[in-house]
ModelCIF file with pLDDT and N, C-alpha, C, O atoms, coordinates in Angstrom:
data_MODEL
#
_entry.id   MODEL 
#
_entity.id                         1 
_entity.type                       polymer 
_entity.pdbx_number_of_molecules   1 
#
_entity_poly.entity_id                      1 
_entity_poly.type                           'polypeptide(L)' 
_entity_poly.nstd_linkage                   no 
_entity_poly.nstd_monomer                   no 
_entity_poly.pdbx_seq_one_letter_code       HAHPREIPEIVRWAVGRNSTDRQNAYDFAVVGLFEDRDALQRYLTHP 
_entity_poly.pdbx_seq_one_letter_code_can   HAHPREIPEIVRWAVGRNSTDRQNAYDFAVVGLFEDRDALQRYLTHP 
_entity_poly.pdbx_strand_id                 A 
#
loop_
_entity_poly_seq.entity_id 
_entity_poly_seq.num 
_entity_poly_seq.mon_id 
_entity_poly_seq.hetero 
1 1  HIS n 
1 2  ALA n 
1 3  HIS n 
1 4  PRO n 
1 5  ARG n 
1 6  GLU n 
1 7  ILE n 
1 8  PRO n 
1 9  GLU n 
1 10 ILE n 
1 11 VAL n 
1 12 ARG n 
1 13 TRP n 
1 14 ALA n 
1 15 VAL n 
1 16 GLY n 
1 17 ARG n 
1 18 ASN n 
1 19 SER n 
1 20 THR n 
1 21 ASP n 
1 22 ARG n 
1 23 GLN n 
1 24 ASN n 
1 25 ALA n 
1 26 TYR n 
1 27 ASP n 
1 28 PHE n 
1 29 ALA n 
1 30 VAL n 
1 31 VAL n 
1 32 GLY n 
1 33 LEU n 
1 34 PHE n 
1 35 GLU n 
1 36 ASP n 
1 37 ARG n 
1 38 ASP n 
1 39 ALA n 
1 40 LEU n 
1 41 GLN n 
1 42 ARG n 
1 43 TYR n 
1 44 LEU n 
1 45 THR n 
1 46 HIS n 
1 47 PRO n 
#
_struct_asym.id          A 
_struct_asym.entity_id   1 
#
loop_
_ma_qa_metric.id 
_ma_qa_metric.mode 
_ma_qa_metric.name 
_ma_qa_metric.software_group_id 
_ma_qa_metric.type 
1 global pLDDT . pLDDT 
2 local  pLDDT . pLDDT 
#
_ma_qa_metric_global.metric_id      1 
_ma_qa_metric_global.metric_value   96.23 
_ma_qa_metric_global.model_id       1 
_ma_qa_metric_global.ordinal_id     1 
#
loop_
_ma_qa_metric_local.label_asym_id 
_ma_qa_metric_local.label_comp_id 
_ma_qa_metric_local.label_seq_id 
_ma_qa_metric_local.metric_id 
_ma_qa_metric_local.metric_value 
_ma_qa_metric_local.model_id 
_ma_qa_metric_local.ordinal_id 
A HIS 1  2 97.00 1 1  
A ALA 2  2 97.00 1 2  
A HIS 3  2 97.00 1 3  
A PRO 4  2 97.00 1 4  
A ARG 5  2 96.00 1 5  
A GLU 6  2 96.00 1 6  
A ILE 7  2 97.00 1 7  
A PRO 8  2 96.00 1 8  
A GLU 9  2 97.00 1 9  
A ILE 10 2 97.00 1 10 
A VAL 11 2 96.00 1 11 
A ARG 12 2 95.00 1 12 
A TRP 13 2 97.00 1 13 
A ALA 14 2 97.00 1 14 
A VAL 15 2 97.00 1 15 
A GLY 16 2 97.00 1 16 
A ARG 17 2 98.00 1 17 
A ASN 18 2 97.00 1 18 
A SER 19 2 96.00 1 19 
A THR 20 2 93.00 1 20 
A ASP 21 2 91.00 1 21 
A ARG 22 2 93.00 1 22 
A GLN 23 2 90.00 1 23 
A ASN 24 2 93.00 1 24 
A ALA 25 2 95.00 1 25 
A TYR 26 2 97.00 1 26 
A ASP 27 2 98.00 1 27 
A PHE 28 2 98.00 1 28 
A ALA 29 2 98.00 1 29 
A VAL 30 2 98.00 1 30 
A VAL 31 2 97.00 1 31 
A GLY 32 2 97.00 1 32 
A LEU 33 2 96.00 1 33 
A PHE 34 2 96.00 1 34 
A GLU 35 2 94.00 1 35 
A ASP 36 2 94.00 1 36 
A ARG 37 2 95.00 1 37 
A ASP 38 2 97.00 1 38 
A ALA 39 2 97.00 1 39 
A LEU 40 2 97.00 1 40 
A GLN 41 2 97.00 1 41 
A ARG 42 2 97.00 1 42 
A TYR 43 2 98.00 1 43 
A LEU 44 2 97.00 1 44 
A THR 45 2 97.00 1 45 
A HIS 46 2 98.00 1 46 
A PRO 47 2 98.00 1 47 
#
loop_
_atom_site.group_PDB 
_atom_site.id 
_atom_site.type_symbol 
_atom_site.label_atom_id 
_atom_site.label_alt_id 
_atom_site.label_comp_id 
_atom_site.label_asym_id 
_atom_site.label_entity_id 
_atom_site.label_seq_id 
_atom_site.pdbx_PDB_ins_code 
_atom_site.Cartn_x 
_atom_site.Cartn_y 
_atom_site.Cartn_z 
_atom_site.occupancy 
_atom_site.B_iso_or_equiv 
_atom_site.pdbx_formal_charge 
_atom_site.auth_seq_id 
_atom_site.auth_comp_id 
_atom_site.auth_asym_id 
_atom_site.auth_atom_id 
_atom_site.pdbx_PDB_model_num 
ATOM 1   N N  . HIS A 1 1  ? 0.829   -1.208  0.000   1.00 97.00 ? 1  HIS A N  1 
ATOM 2   C CA . HIS A 1 1  ? 0.000   0.000   0.000   1.00 97.00 ? 1  HIS A CA 1 
ATOM 3   C C  . HIS A 1 1  ? 0.864   1.259   0.000   1.00 97.00 ? 1  HIS A C  1 
ATOM 4   O O  . HIS A 1 1  ? 0.470   2.274   -0.574  1.00 97.00 ? 1  HIS A O  1 
ATOM 5   N N  . ALA A 1 2  ? 2.023   1.209   0.628   1.00 97.00 ? 2  ALA A N  1 
ATOM 6   C CA . ALA A 1 2  ? 2.872   2.398   0.790   1.00 97.00 ? 2  ALA A CA 1 
ATOM 7   C C  . ALA A 1 2  ? 3.745   2.702   -0.426  1.00 97.00 ? 2  ALA A C  1 
ATOM 8   O O  . ALA A 1 2  ? 4.309   3.793   -0.503  1.00 97.00 ? 2  ALA A O  1 
ATOM 9   N N  . HIS A 1 3  ? 3.874   1.797   -1.358  1.00 97.00 ? 3  HIS A N  1 
ATOM 10  C CA . HIS A 1 3  ? 4.786   2.011   -2.491  1.00 97.00 ? 3  HIS A CA 1 
ATOM 11  C C  . HIS A 1 3  ? 4.603   3.362   -3.200  1.00 97.00 ? 3  HIS A C  1 
ATOM 12  O O  . HIS A 1 3  ? 5.606   4.005   -3.509  1.00 97.00 ? 3  HIS A O  1 
ATOM 13  N N  . PRO A 1 4  ? 3.379   3.821   -3.470  1.00 97.00 ? 4  PRO A N  1 
ATOM 14  C CA . PRO A 1 4  ? 3.256   5.094   -4.196  1.00 97.00 ? 4  PRO A CA 1 
ATOM 15  C C  . PRO A 1 4  ? 3.847   6.292   -3.449  1.00 97.00 ? 4  PRO A C  1 
ATOM 16  O O  . PRO A 1 4  ? 4.238   7.273   -4.080  1.00 97.00 ? 4  PRO A O  1 
ATOM 17  N N  . ARG A 1 5  ? 3.916   6.229   -2.134  1.00 96.00 ? 5  ARG A N  1 
ATOM 18  C CA . ARG A 1 5  ? 4.523   7.325   -1.364  1.00 96.00 ? 5  ARG A CA 1 
ATOM 19  C C  . ARG A 1 5  ? 6.037   7.353   -1.515  1.00 96.00 ? 5  ARG A C  1 
ATOM 20  O O  . ARG A 1 5  ? 6.666   8.392   -1.317  1.00 96.00 ? 5  ARG A O  1 
ATOM 21  N N  . GLU A 1 6  ? 6.616   6.218   -1.862  1.00 96.00 ? 6  GLU A N  1 
ATOM 22  C CA . GLU A 1 6  ? 8.073   6.094   -1.914  1.00 96.00 ? 6  GLU A CA 1 
ATOM 23  C C  . GLU A 1 6  ? 8.645   5.990   -3.330  1.00 96.00 ? 6  GLU A C  1 
ATOM 24  O O  . GLU A 1 6  ? 9.824   6.271   -3.543  1.00 96.00 ? 6  GLU A O  1 
ATOM 25  N N  . ILE A 1 7  ? 7.825   5.592   -4.286  1.00 97.00 ? 7  ILE A N  1 
ATOM 26  C CA . ILE A 1 7  ? 8.327   5.287   -5.632  1.00 97.00 ? 7  ILE A CA 1 
ATOM 27  C C  . ILE A 1 7  ? 7.649   6.215   -6.637  1.00 97.00 ? 7  ILE A C  1 
ATOM 28  O O  . ILE A 1 7  ? 6.483   6.016   -6.979  1.00 97.00 ? 7  ILE A O  1 
ATOM 29  N N  . PRO A 1 8  ? 8.374   7.229   -7.111  1.00 96.00 ? 8  PRO A N  1 
ATOM 30  C CA . PRO A 1 8  ? 7.754   8.243   -7.971  1.00 96.00 ? 8  PRO A CA 1 
ATOM 31  C C  . PRO A 1 8  ? 7.332   7.739   -9.349  1.00 96.00 ? 8  PRO A C  1 
ATOM 32  O O  . PRO A 1 8  ? 6.524   8.394   -10.006 1.00 96.00 ? 8  PRO A O  1 
ATOM 33  N N  . GLU A 1 9  ? 7.836   6.628   -9.800  1.00 97.00 ? 9  GLU A N  1 
ATOM 34  C CA . GLU A 1 9  ? 7.480   6.104   -11.117 1.00 97.00 ? 9  GLU A CA 1 
ATOM 35  C C  . GLU A 1 9  ? 6.041   5.610   -11.215 1.00 97.00 ? 9  GLU A C  1 
ATOM 36  O O  . GLU A 1 9  ? 5.521   5.441   -12.318 1.00 97.00 ? 9  GLU A O  1 
ATOM 37  N N  . ILE A 1 10 ? 5.399   5.380   -10.090 1.00 97.00 ? 10 ILE A N  1 
ATOM 38  C CA . ILE A 1 10 ? 4.023   4.885   -10.091 1.00 97.00 ? 10 ILE A CA 1 
ATOM 39  C C  . ILE A 1 10 ? 3.077   6.012   -10.484 1.00 97.00 ? 10 ILE A C  1 
ATOM 40  O O  . ILE A 1 10 ? 3.010   7.041   -9.811  1.00 97.00 ? 10 ILE A O  1 
ATOM 41  N N  . VAL A 1 11 ? 2.342   5.811   -11.585 1.00 96.00 ? 11 VAL A N  1 
ATOM 42  C CA . VAL A 1 11 ? 1.362   6.789   -12.051 1.00 96.00 ? 11 VAL A CA 1 
ATOM 43  C C  . VAL A 1 11 ? 0.017   6.557   -11.358 1.00 96.00 ? 11 VAL A C  1 
ATOM 44  O O  . VAL A 1 11 ? -0.605  7.497   -10.864 1.00 96.00 ? 11 VAL A O  1 
ATOM 45  N N  . ARG A 1 12 ? -0.423  5.298   -11.328 1.00 95.00 ? 12 ARG A N  1 
ATOM 46  C CA . ARG A 1 12 ? -1.649  4.900   -10.625 1.00 95.00 ? 12 ARG A CA 1 
ATOM 47  C C  . ARG A 1 12 ? -1.385  3.587   -9.921  1.00 95.00 ? 12 ARG A C  1 
ATOM 48  O O  . ARG A 1 12 ? -0.537  2.799   -10.341 1.00 95.00 ? 12 ARG A O  1 
ATOM 49  N N  . TRP A 1 13 ? -2.132  3.356   -8.830  1.00 97.00 ? 13 TRP A N  1 
ATOM 50  C CA . TRP A 1 13 ? -1.865  2.186   -7.997  1.00 97.00 ? 13 TRP A CA 1 
ATOM 51  C C  . TRP A 1 13 ? -3.162  1.709   -7.380  1.00 97.00 ? 13 TRP A C  1 
ATOM 52  O O  . TRP A 1 13 ? -3.847  2.481   -6.710  1.00 97.00 ? 13 TRP A O  1 
ATOM 53  N N  . ALA A 1 14 ? -3.508  0.463   -7.592  1.00 97.00 ? 14 ALA A N  1 
ATOM 54  C CA . ALA A 1 14 ? -4.673  -0.151  -6.960  1.00 97.00 ? 14 ALA A CA 1 
ATOM 55  C C  . ALA A 1 14 ? -4.236  -1.492  -6.399  1.00 97.00 ? 14 ALA A C  1 
ATOM 56  O O  . ALA A 1 14 ? -3.645  -2.307  -7.107  1.00 97.00 ? 14 ALA A O  1 
ATOM 57  N N  . VAL A 1 15 ? -4.525  -1.718  -5.133  1.00 97.00 ? 15 VAL A N  1 
ATOM 58  C CA . VAL A 1 15 ? -4.178  -2.983  -4.491  1.00 97.00 ? 15 VAL A CA 1 
ATOM 59  C C  . VAL A 1 15 ? -5.352  -3.422  -3.625  1.00 97.00 ? 15 VAL A C  1 
ATOM 60  O O  . VAL A 1 15 ? -6.144  -2.594  -3.176  1.00 97.00 ? 15 VAL A O  1 
ATOM 61  N N  . GLY A 1 16 ? -5.460  -4.730  -3.394  1.00 97.00 ? 16 GLY A N  1 
ATOM 62  C CA . GLY A 1 16 ? -6.526  -5.175  -2.522  1.00 97.00 ? 16 GLY A CA 1 
ATOM 63  C C  . GLY A 1 16 ? -6.553  -6.673  -2.311  1.00 97.00 ? 16 GLY A C  1 
ATOM 64  O O  . GLY A 1 16 ? -5.983  -7.453  -3.074  1.00 97.00 ? 16 GLY A O  1 
ATOM 65  N N  . ARG A 1 17 ? -7.238  -7.040  -1.244  1.00 98.00 ? 17 ARG A N  1 
ATOM 66  C CA . ARG A 1 17 ? -7.443  -8.448  -0.909  1.00 98.00 ? 17 ARG A CA 1 
ATOM 67  C C  . ARG A 1 17 ? -8.540  -9.032  -1.779  1.00 98.00 ? 17 ARG A C  1 
ATOM 68  O O  . ARG A 1 17 ? -9.484  -8.340  -2.160  1.00 98.00 ? 17 ARG A O  1 
ATOM 69  N N  . ASN A 1 18 ? -8.405  -10.299 -2.086  1.00 97.00 ? 18 ASN A N  1 
ATOM 70  C CA . ASN A 1 18 ? -9.440  -11.015 -2.807  1.00 97.00 ? 18 ASN A CA 1 
ATOM 71  C C  . ASN A 1 18 ? -10.725 -11.016 -1.986  1.00 97.00 ? 18 ASN A C  1 
ATOM 72  O O  . ASN A 1 18 ? -10.686 -11.150 -0.763  1.00 97.00 ? 18 ASN A O  1 
ATOM 73  N N  . SER A 1 19 ? -11.859 -10.866 -2.662  1.00 96.00 ? 19 SER A N  1 
ATOM 74  C CA . SER A 1 19 ? -13.148 -10.857 -1.954  1.00 96.00 ? 19 SER A CA 1 
ATOM 75  C C  . SER A 1 19 ? -14.052 -12.025 -2.358  1.00 96.00 ? 19 SER A C  1 
ATOM 76  O O  . SER A 1 19 ? -15.235 -12.038 -2.017  1.00 96.00 ? 19 SER A O  1 
ATOM 77  N N  . THR A 1 20 ? -13.503 -13.001 -3.079  1.00 93.00 ? 20 THR A N  1 
ATOM 78  C CA . THR A 1 20 ? -14.299 -14.158 -3.472  1.00 93.00 ? 20 THR A CA 1 
ATOM 79  C C  . THR A 1 20 ? -13.771 -15.411 -2.780  1.00 93.00 ? 20 THR A C  1 
ATOM 80  O O  . THR A 1 20 ? -12.659 -15.423 -2.253  1.00 93.00 ? 20 THR A O  1 
ATOM 81  N N  . ASP A 1 21 ? -14.581 -16.454 -2.792  1.00 91.00 ? 21 ASP A N  1 
ATOM 82  C CA . ASP A 1 21 ? -14.138 -17.719 -2.198  1.00 91.00 ? 21 ASP A CA 1 
ATOM 83  C C  . ASP A 1 21 ? -13.956 -18.799 -3.256  1.00 91.00 ? 21 ASP A C  1 
ATOM 84  O O  . ASP A 1 21 ? -13.973 -19.990 -2.943  1.00 91.00 ? 21 ASP A O  1 
ATOM 85  N N  . ARG A 1 22 ? -13.781 -18.383 -4.512  1.00 93.00 ? 22 ARG A N  1 
ATOM 86  C CA . ARG A 1 22 ? -13.579 -19.357 -5.586  1.00 93.00 ? 22 ARG A CA 1 
ATOM 87  C C  . ARG A 1 22 ? -12.259 -20.086 -5.412  1.00 93.00 ? 22 ARG A C  1 
ATOM 88  O O  . ARG A 1 22 ? -11.275 -19.502 -4.957  1.00 93.00 ? 22 ARG A O  1 
ATOM 89  N N  . GLN A 1 23 ? -12.238 -21.349 -5.769  1.00 90.00 ? 23 GLN A N  1 
ATOM 90  C CA . GLN A 1 23 ? -11.067 -22.211 -5.587  1.00 90.00 ? 23 GLN A CA 1 
ATOM 91  C C  . GLN A 1 23 ? -9.828  -21.679 -6.305  1.00 90.00 ? 23 GLN A C  1 
ATOM 92  O O  . GLN A 1 23 ? -8.719  -21.794 -5.783  1.00 90.00 ? 23 GLN A O  1 
ATOM 93  N N  . ASN A 1 24 ? -9.997  -21.107 -7.477  1.00 93.00 ? 24 ASN A N  1 
ATOM 94  C CA . ASN A 1 24 ? -8.841  -20.663 -8.270  1.00 93.00 ? 24 ASN A CA 1 
ATOM 95  C C  . ASN A 1 24 ? -8.456  -19.206 -8.016  1.00 93.00 ? 24 ASN A C  1 
ATOM 96  O O  . ASN A 1 24 ? -7.619  -18.663 -8.735  1.00 93.00 ? 24 ASN A O  1 
ATOM 97  N N  . ALA A 1 25 ? -9.047  -18.568 -7.014  1.00 95.00 ? 25 ALA A N  1 
ATOM 98  C CA . ALA A 1 25 ? -8.761  -17.166 -6.718  1.00 95.00 ? 25 ALA A CA 1 
ATOM 99  C C  . ALA A 1 25 ? -7.403  -16.996 -6.039  1.00 95.00 ? 25 ALA A C  1 
ATOM 100 O O  . ALA A 1 25 ? -6.930  -17.875 -5.319  1.00 95.00 ? 25 ALA A O  1 
ATOM 101 N N  . TYR A 1 26 ? -6.800  -15.852 -6.287  1.00 97.00 ? 26 TYR A N  1 
ATOM 102 C CA . TYR A 1 26 ? -5.574  -15.462 -5.596  1.00 97.00 ? 26 TYR A CA 1 
ATOM 103 C C  . TYR A 1 26 ? -5.960  -14.647 -4.370  1.00 97.00 ? 26 TYR A C  1 
ATOM 104 O O  . TYR A 1 26 ? -7.110  -14.225 -4.244  1.00 97.00 ? 26 TYR A O  1 
ATOM 105 N N  . ASP A 1 27 ? -5.012  -14.420 -3.466  1.00 98.00 ? 27 ASP A N  1 
ATOM 106 C CA . ASP A 1 27 ? -5.314  -13.763 -2.199  1.00 98.00 ? 27 ASP A CA 1 
ATOM 107 C C  . ASP A 1 27 ? -5.179  -12.245 -2.223  1.00 98.00 ? 27 ASP A C  1 
ATOM 108 O O  . ASP A 1 27 ? -5.839  -11.550 -1.450  1.00 98.00 ? 27 ASP A O  1 
ATOM 109 N N  . PHE A 1 28 ? -4.326  -11.727 -3.106  1.00 98.00 ? 28 PHE A N  1 
ATOM 110 C CA . PHE A 1 28 ? -4.052  -10.289 -3.112  1.00 98.00 ? 28 PHE A CA 1 
ATOM 111 C C  . PHE A 1 28 ? -3.670  -9.873  -4.525  1.00 98.00 ? 28 PHE A C  1 
ATOM 112 O O  . PHE A 1 28 ? -3.014  -10.623 -5.248  1.00 98.00 ? 28 PHE A O  1 
ATOM 113 N N  . ALA A 1 29 ? -4.083  -8.680  -4.910  1.00 98.00 ? 29 ALA A N  1 
ATOM 114 C CA . ALA A 1 29 ? -3.791  -8.195  -6.259  1.00 98.00 ? 29 ALA A CA 1 
ATOM 115 C C  . ALA A 1 29 ? -3.184  -6.805  -6.220  1.00 98.00 ? 29 ALA A C  1 
ATOM 116 O O  . ALA A 1 29 ? -3.516  -5.983  -5.367  1.00 98.00 ? 29 ALA A O  1 
ATOM 117 N N  . VAL A 1 30 ? -2.280  -6.563  -7.173  1.00 98.00 ? 30 VAL A N  1 
ATOM 118 C CA . VAL A 1 30 ? -1.676  -5.249  -7.388  1.00 98.00 ? 30 VAL A CA 1 
ATOM 119 C C  . VAL A 1 30 ? -1.864  -4.908  -8.861  1.00 98.00 ? 30 VAL A C  1 
ATOM 120 O O  . VAL A 1 30 ? -1.588  -5.723  -9.741  1.00 98.00 ? 30 VAL A O  1 
ATOM 121 N N  . VAL A 1 31 ? -2.337  -3.688  -9.116  1.00 97.00 ? 31 VAL A N  1 
ATOM 122 C CA . VAL A 1 31 ? -2.433  -3.187  -10.487 1.00 97.00 ? 31 VAL A CA 1 
ATOM 123 C C  . VAL A 1 31 ? -1.806  -1.794  -10.486 1.00 97.00 ? 31 VAL A C  1 
ATOM 124 O O  . VAL A 1 31 ? -2.319  -0.859  -9.872  1.00 97.00 ? 31 VAL A O  1 
ATOM 125 N N  . GLY A 1 32 ? -0.681  -1.684  -11.193 1.00 97.00 ? 32 GLY A N  1 
ATOM 126 C CA . GLY A 1 32 ? 0.016   -0.408  -11.275 1.00 97.00 ? 32 GLY A CA 1 
ATOM 127 C C  . GLY A 1 32 ? 0.066   0.092   -12.700 1.00 97.00 ? 32 GLY A C  1 
ATOM 128 O O  . GLY A 1 32 ? 0.018   -0.691  -13.649 1.00 97.00 ? 32 GLY A O  1 
ATOM 129 N N  . LEU A 1 33 ? 0.163   1.398   -12.842 1.00 96.00 ? 33 LEU A N  1 
ATOM 130 C CA . LEU A 1 33 ? 0.295   2.015   -14.156 1.00 96.00 ? 33 LEU A CA 1 
ATOM 131 C C  . LEU A 1 33 ? 1.602   2.796   -14.187 1.00 96.00 ? 33 LEU A C  1 
ATOM 132 O O  . LEU A 1 33 ? 1.912   3.546   -13.261 1.00 96.00 ? 33 LEU A O  1 
ATOM 133 N N  . PHE A 1 34 ? 2.366   2.611   -15.264 1.00 96.00 ? 34 PHE A N  1 
ATOM 134 C CA . PHE A 1 34 ? 3.675   3.241   -15.431 1.00 96.00 ? 34 PHE A CA 1 
ATOM 135 C C  . PHE A 1 34 ? 3.749   3.878   -16.811 1.00 96.00 ? 34 PHE A C  1 
ATOM 136 O O  . PHE A 1 34 ? 3.108   3.415   -17.755 1.00 96.00 ? 34 PHE A O  1 
ATOM 137 N N  . GLU A 1 35 ? 4.535   4.938   -16.919 1.00 94.00 ? 35 GLU A N  1 
ATOM 138 C CA . GLU A 1 35 ? 4.662   5.658   -18.200 1.00 94.00 ? 35 GLU A CA 1 
ATOM 139 C C  . GLU A 1 35 ? 5.193   4.762   -19.317 1.00 94.00 ? 35 GLU A C  1 
ATOM 140 O O  . GLU A 1 35 ? 4.706   4.818   -20.446 1.00 94.00 ? 35 GLU A O  1 
ATOM 141 N N  . ASP A 1 36 ? 6.192   3.937   -19.001 1.00 94.00 ? 36 ASP A N  1 
ATOM 142 C CA . ASP A 1 36 ? 6.825   3.111   -20.035 1.00 94.00 ? 36 ASP A CA 1 
ATOM 143 C C  . ASP A 1 36 ? 7.641   2.007   -19.362 1.00 94.00 ? 36 ASP A C  1 
ATOM 144 O O  . ASP A 1 36 ? 7.667   1.908   -18.135 1.00 94.00 ? 36 ASP A O  1 
ATOM 145 N N  . ARG A 1 37 ? 8.294   1.195   -20.154 1.00 95.00 ? 37 ARG A N  1 
ATOM 146 C CA . ARG A 1 37 ? 9.077   0.072   -19.616 1.00 95.00 ? 37 ARG A CA 1 
ATOM 147 C C  . ARG A 1 37 ? 10.254  0.541   -18.766 1.00 95.00 ? 37 ARG A C  1 
ATOM 148 O O  . ARG A 1 37 ? 10.619  -0.125  -17.797 1.00 95.00 ? 37 ARG A O  1 
ATOM 149 N N  . ASP A 1 38 ? 10.852  1.681   -19.117 1.00 97.00 ? 38 ASP A N  1 
ATOM 150 C CA . ASP A 1 38 ? 11.950  2.206   -18.306 1.00 97.00 ? 38 ASP A CA 1 
ATOM 151 C C  . ASP A 1 38 ? 11.468  2.572   -16.904 1.00 97.00 ? 38 ASP A C  1 
ATOM 152 O O  . ASP A 1 38 ? 12.143  2.287   -15.915 1.00 97.00 ? 38 ASP A O  1 
ATOM 153 N N  . ALA A 1 39 ? 10.303  3.202   -16.826 1.00 97.00 ? 39 ALA A N  1 
ATOM 154 C CA . ALA A 1 39 ? 9.735   3.550   -15.517 1.00 97.00 ? 39 ALA A CA 1 
ATOM 155 C C  . ALA A 1 39 ? 9.420   2.294   -14.712 1.00 97.00 ? 39 ALA A C  1 
ATOM 156 O O  . ALA A 1 39 ? 9.669   2.243   -13.508 1.00 97.00 ? 39 ALA A O  1 
ATOM 157 N N  . LEU A 1 40 ? 8.870   1.278   -15.382 1.00 97.00 ? 40 LEU A N  1 
ATOM 158 C CA . LEU A 1 40 ? 8.594   0.016   -14.694 1.00 97.00 ? 40 LEU A CA 1 
ATOM 159 C C  . LEU A 1 40 ? 9.885   -0.609  -14.179 1.00 97.00 ? 40 LEU A C  1 
ATOM 160 O O  . LEU A 1 40 ? 9.922   -1.125  -13.062 1.00 97.00 ? 40 LEU A O  1 
ATOM 161 N N  . GLN A 1 41 ? 10.929  -0.567  -14.974 1.00 97.00 ? 41 GLN A N  1 
ATOM 162 C CA . GLN A 1 41 ? 12.210  -1.142  -14.553 1.00 97.00 ? 41 GLN A CA 1 
ATOM 163 C C  . GLN A 1 41 ? 12.776  -0.399  -13.337 1.00 97.00 ? 41 GLN A C  1 
ATOM 164 O O  . GLN A 1 41 ? 13.315  -1.027  -12.426 1.00 97.00 ? 41 GLN A O  1 
ATOM 165 N N  . ARG A 1 42 ? 12.657  0.921   -13.321 1.00 97.00 ? 42 ARG A N  1 
ATOM 166 C CA . ARG A 1 42 ? 13.129  1.689   -12.149 1.00 97.00 ? 42 ARG A CA 1 
ATOM 167 C C  . ARG A 1 42 ? 12.326  1.316   -10.908 1.00 97.00 ? 42 ARG A C  1 
ATOM 168 O O  . ARG A 1 42 ? 12.881  1.205   -9.815  1.00 97.00 ? 42 ARG A O  1 
ATOM 169 N N  . TYR A 1 43 ? 11.018  1.123   -11.076 1.00 98.00 ? 43 TYR A N  1 
ATOM 170 C CA . TYR A 1 43 ? 10.172  0.673   -9.970  1.00 98.00 ? 43 TYR A CA 1 
ATOM 171 C C  . TYR A 1 43 ? 10.624  -0.700  -9.466  1.00 98.00 ? 43 TYR A C  1 
ATOM 172 O O  . TYR A 1 43 ? 10.762  -0.912  -8.261  1.00 98.00 ? 43 TYR A O  1 
ATOM 173 N N  . LEU A 1 44 ? 10.852  -1.624  -10.392 1.00 97.00 ? 44 LEU A N  1 
ATOM 174 C CA . LEU A 1 44 ? 11.220  -2.987  -10.006 1.00 97.00 ? 44 LEU A CA 1 
ATOM 175 C C  . LEU A 1 44 ? 12.521  -3.036  -9.213  1.00 97.00 ? 44 LEU A C  1 
ATOM 176 O O  . LEU A 1 44 ? 12.681  -3.890  -8.342  1.00 97.00 ? 44 LEU A O  1 
ATOM 177 N N  . THR A 1 45 ? 13.434  -2.146  -9.501  1.00 97.00 ? 45 THR A N  1 
ATOM 178 C CA . THR A 1 45 ? 14.734  -2.152  -8.814  1.00 97.00 ? 45 THR A CA 1 
ATOM 179 C C  . THR A 1 45 ? 14.790  -1.173  -7.646  1.00 97.00 ? 45 THR A C  1 
ATOM 180 O O  . THR A 1 45 ? 15.797  -1.112  -6.940  1.00 97.00 ? 45 THR A O  1 
ATOM 181 N N  . HIS A 1 46 ? 13.729  -0.412  -7.435  1.00 98.00 ? 46 HIS A N  1 
ATOM 182 C CA . HIS A 1 46 ? 13.699  0.568   -6.331  1.00 98.00 ? 46 HIS A CA 1 
ATOM 183 C C  . HIS A 1 46 ? 13.806  -0.167  -4.988  1.00 98.00 ? 46 HIS A C  1 
ATOM 184 O O  . HIS A 1 46 ? 13.172  -1.207  -4.810  1.00 98.00 ? 46 HIS A O  1 
ATOM 185 N N  . PRO A 1 47 ? 14.586  0.349   -4.053  1.00 98.00 ? 47 PRO A N  1 
ATOM 186 C CA . PRO A 1 47 ? 14.752  -0.328  -2.748  1.00 98.00 ? 47 PRO A CA 1 
ATOM 187 C C  . PRO A 1 47 ? 13.434  -0.579  -2.005  1.00 98.00 ? 47 PRO A C  1 
ATOM 188 O O  . PRO A 1 47 ? 13.440  -1.135  -0.907  1.00 98.00 ? 47 PRO A O  1 
#
């Protein structure tokens, strides 16, 4: 949840816990928006 406060490359950020009980569901999701692949790479390597 705190990543957008620390990582300037994040343009938009949505995160949340799964709200379904389906067998194939995952537990947590992150959806981020970045300007381009270079920005994503800087995010991925950010401390």
